[in-house]
Amino acid sequence: MTILSDKILCRADYISQNLAFRHSADDLFSCIDTLEEPTIIVDFSKTKSITRSFAHQYMANKTKTRKHIIERDMPYNIKQMFDLVERQKSKTKEIHREPIEVLNVVCGF
């Protein structure tokens, strides 16, 4: 990991230029959560590719952390993947489970 200032984490140096695995997003946020600074800027300038899995896990971790996370220098293709995950998340409908009554049915044939 490279700290460029007291608030900037240069992501490409910490994980990879190709973001693929959920556990990589978890590792990134494990590191972020150990930092003392309340605001962290994640620099995506050296990122070449990203999978939906990484983007989804990154966003899930971002909502859980107490840190204020700011992304910067995000290439267009990386931004598109984050936007796709966000759109899919907003389309997901929550299933409301209500208790149901189970009936014993006896058929006489």
C-alpha atoms as a PDB file:
ATOM      1  CA  MET A   1       0.000   0.000   0.000  1.00  0.00           C
ATOM      2  CA  THR A   2       1.193   3.486  -0.761  1.00  0.00           C
ATOM      3  CA  ILE A   3       0.038   6.451   1.269  1.00  0.00           C
ATOM      4  CA  LEU A   4       0.347   9.505  -0.965  1.00  0.00           C
ATOM      5  CA  SER A   5      -0.743  11.899   1.754  1.00  0.00           C
ATOM      6  CA  ASP A   6      -2.436  11.493   5.093  1.00  0.00           C
ATOM      7  CA  LYS A   7      -5.743  10.761   3.327  1.00  0.00           C
ATOM      8  CA  ILE A   8      -4.924   9.058   0.031  1.00  0.00           C
ATOM      9  CA  LEU A   9      -4.593   5.345  -0.498  1.00  0.00           C
ATOM     10  CA  CYS A  10      -3.256   4.477  -3.912  1.00  0.00           C
ATOM     11  CA  ARG A  11      -5.218   1.332  -4.690  1.00  0.00           C
ATOM     12  CA  ALA A  12      -3.270   0.099  -7.672  1.00  0.00           C
ATOM     13  CA  ASP A  13      -0.136  -0.293  -5.594  1.00  0.00           C
ATOM     14  CA  TYR A  14      -2.005  -2.178  -2.881  1.00  0.00           C
ATOM     15  CA  ILE A  15      -3.987  -4.817  -4.779  1.00  0.00           C
ATOM     16  CA  SER A  16      -3.605  -5.067  -8.523  1.00  0.00           C
ATOM     17  CA  GLN A  17      -4.285  -3.190 -11.708  1.00  0.00           C
ATOM     18  CA  ASN A  18      -6.945  -5.799 -12.481  1.00  0.00           C
ATOM     19  CA  LEU A  19      -9.556  -5.987  -9.758  1.00  0.00           C
ATOM     20  CA  ALA A  20     -11.166  -9.404  -9.856  1.00  0.00           C
ATOM     21  CA  PHE A  21     -11.845 -11.056  -6.516  1.00  0.00           C
ATOM     22  CA  ARG A  22     -14.231 -10.304  -3.668  1.00  0.00           C
ATOM     23  CA  HIS A  23     -11.534 -11.095  -1.124  1.00  0.00           C
ATOM     24  CA  SER A  24      -9.358  -8.385  -2.693  1.00  0.00           C
ATOM     25  CA  ALA A  25     -12.056  -5.822  -1.907  1.00  0.00           C
ATOM     26  CA  ASP A  26     -12.253  -7.228   1.621  1.00  0.00           C
ATOM     27  CA  ASP A  27      -8.462  -6.964   1.980  1.00  0.00           C
ATOM     28  CA  LEU A  28      -8.529  -3.366   0.773  1.00  0.00           C
ATOM     29  CA  PHE A  29     -11.155  -2.398   3.336  1.00  0.00           C
ATOM     30  CA  SER A  30      -9.377  -4.306   6.096  1.00  0.00           C
ATOM     31  CA  CYS A  31      -6.391  -2.070   5.411  1.00  0.00           C
ATOM     32  CA  ILE A  32      -8.522   1.075   5.147  1.00  0.00           C
ATOM     33  CA  ASP A  33     -10.225   0.342   8.456  1.00  0.00           C
ATOM     34  CA  THR A  34      -6.864   0.185  10.247  1.00  0.00           C
ATOM     35  CA  LEU A  35      -5.916   3.688   9.139  1.00  0.00           C
ATOM     36  CA  GLU A  36      -6.393   6.522  11.624  1.00  0.00           C
ATOM     37  CA  GLU A  37      -7.656   9.053   9.096  1.00  0.00           C
ATOM     38  CA  PRO A  38     -11.456   9.420   8.930  1.00  0.00           C
ATOM     39  CA  THR A  39     -11.400  10.249   5.199  1.00  0.00           C
ATOM     40  CA  ILE A  40      -9.705   8.029   2.650  1.00  0.00           C
ATOM     41  CA  ILE A  41      -9.362   8.808  -1.048  1.00  0.00           C
ATOM     42  CA  VAL A  42      -9.097   5.692  -3.201  1.00  0.00           C
ATOM     43  CA  ASP A  43      -7.185   6.359  -6.403  1.00  0.00           C
ATOM     44  CA  PHE A  44      -8.294   4.217  -9.352  1.00  0.00           C
ATOM     45  CA  SER A  45      -6.040   5.898 -11.932  1.00  0.00           C
ATOM     46  CA  LYS A  46      -3.891   2.808 -12.541  1.00  0.00           C
ATOM     47  CA  THR A  47      -6.792   0.361 -12.649  1.00  0.00           C
ATOM     48  CA  LYS A  48      -7.161  -1.447 -15.961  1.00  0.00           C
ATOM     49  CA  SER A  49     -10.086  -3.790 -15.334  1.00  0.00           C
ATOM     50  CA  ILE A  50     -12.667  -4.718 -12.731  1.00  0.00           C
ATOM     51  CA  THR A  51     -15.121  -7.563 -12.306  1.00  0.00           C
ATOM     52  CA  ARG A  52     -18.682  -7.258 -11.155  1.00  0.00           C
ATOM     53  CA  SER A  53     -17.768  -9.359  -8.093  1.00  0.00           C
ATOM     54  CA  PHE A  54     -15.069  -6.933  -6.970  1.00  0.00           C
ATOM     55  CA  ALA A  55     -17.280  -3.885  -7.588  1.00  0.00           C
ATOM     56  CA  HIS A  56     -20.163  -5.417  -5.650  1.00  0.00           C
ATOM     57  CA  GLN A  57     -17.979  -6.351  -2.669  1.00  0.00           C
ATOM     58  CA  TYR A  58     -16.242  -2.954  -2.709  1.00  0.00           C
ATOM     59  CA  MET A  59     -19.605  -1.195  -2.533  1.00  0.00           C
ATOM     60  CA  ALA A  60     -20.837  -3.536   0.214  1.00  0.00           C
ATOM     61  CA  ASN A  61     -17.701  -2.830   2.260  1.00  0.00           C
ATOM     62  CA  LYS A  62     -17.986   0.896   1.611  1.00  0.00           C
ATOM     63  CA  THR A  63     -21.453   0.951   3.164  1.00  0.00           C
ATOM     64  CA  LYS A  64     -20.194  -0.925   6.251  1.00  0.00           C
ATOM     65  CA  THR A  65     -17.064   1.093   7.002  1.00  0.00           C
ATOM     66  CA  ARG A  66     -17.054   4.085   9.311  1.00  0.00           C
ATOM     67  CA  LYS A  67     -14.548   5.810   7.040  1.00  0.00           C
ATOM     68  CA  HIS A  68     -15.575   8.449   4.547  1.00  0.00           C
ATOM     69  CA  ILE A  69     -14.440   6.969   1.223  1.00  0.00           C
ATOM     70  CA  ILE A  70     -13.913   9.145  -1.836  1.00  0.00           C
ATOM     71  CA  GLU A  71     -12.998   7.654  -5.214  1.00  0.00           C
ATOM     72  CA  ARG A  72     -10.884   9.612  -7.660  1.00  0.00           C
ATOM     73  CA  ASP A  73      -9.410   9.239 -11.147  1.00  0.00           C
ATOM     74  CA  MET A  74     -11.746   6.396 -12.043  1.00  0.00           C
ATOM     75  CA  PRO A  75     -11.362   5.304 -15.688  1.00  0.00           C
ATOM     76  CA  TYR A  76     -14.581   5.214 -17.706  1.00  0.00           C
ATOM     77  CA  ASN A  77     -14.783   1.384 -17.884  1.00  0.00           C
ATOM     78  CA  ILE A  78     -14.348   1.102 -14.107  1.00  0.00           C
ATOM     79  CA  LYS A  79     -17.038   3.728 -13.484  1.00  0.00           C
ATOM     80  CA  GLN A  80     -19.369   1.829 -15.824  1.00  0.00           C
ATOM     81  CA  MET A  81     -18.998  -1.341 -13.749  1.00  0.00           C
ATOM     82  CA  PHE A  82     -19.730   0.479 -10.495  1.00  0.00           C
ATOM     83  CA  ASP A  83     -22.757   2.107 -12.143  1.00  0.00           C
ATOM     84  CA  LEU A  84     -23.989  -1.296 -13.360  1.00  0.00           C
ATOM     85  CA  VAL A  85     -23.716  -2.787  -9.879  1.00  0.00           C
ATOM     86  CA  GLU A  86     -25.534   0.217  -8.413  1.00  0.00           C
ATOM     87  CA  ARG A  87     -28.366  -0.090 -10.956  1.00  0.00           C
ATOM     88  CA  GLN A  88     -28.716  -3.823 -10.279  1.00  0.00           C
ATOM     89  CA  LYS A  89     -28.763  -3.174  -6.543  1.00  0.00           C
ATOM     90  CA  SER A  90     -31.561  -0.636  -6.894  1.00  0.00           C
ATOM     91  CA  LYS A  91     -33.584  -3.063  -9.050  1.00  0.00           C
ATOM     92  CA  THR A  92     -33.304  -5.858  -6.523  1.00  0.00           C
ATOM     93  CA  LYS A  93     -36.608  -6.305  -4.823  1.00  0.00           C
ATOM     94  CA  GLU A  94     -36.768  -7.383  -1.256  1.00  0.00           C
ATOM     95  CA  ILE A  95     -38.955 -10.401  -0.612  1.00  0.00           C
ATOM     96  CA  HIS A  96     -41.302  -9.861   2.287  1.00  0.00           C
ATOM     97  CA  ARG A  97     -41.897 -13.125   4.031  1.00  0.00           C
ATOM     98  CA  GLU A  98     -45.122 -13.334   5.878  1.00  0.00           C
ATOM     99  CA  PRO A  99     -46.068 -16.309   7.997  1.00  0.00           C
ATOM    100  CA  ILE A 100     -48.287 -18.752   6.202  1.00  0.00           C
ATOM    101  CA  GLU A 101     -50.693 -21.266   7.561  1.00  0.00           C
ATOM    102  CA  VAL A 102     -49.971 -24.853   6.651  1.00  0.00           C
ATOM    103  CA  LEU A 103     -53.046 -26.987   6.079  1.00  0.00           C
ATOM    104  CA  ASN A 104     -53.200 -30.755   6.105  1.00  0.00           C
ATOM    105  CA  VAL A 105     -55.267 -31.772   3.148  1.00  0.00           C
ATOM    106  CA  VAL A 106     -56.645 -35.296   2.996  1.00  0.00           C
ATOM    107  CA  CYS A 107     -58.009 -36.368  -0.306  1.00  0.00           C
ATOM    108  CA  GLY A 108     -60.405 -39.269  -0.424  1.00  0.00           C
ATOM    109  CA  PHE A 109     -60.179 -41.040  -3.730  1.00  0.00           C
END
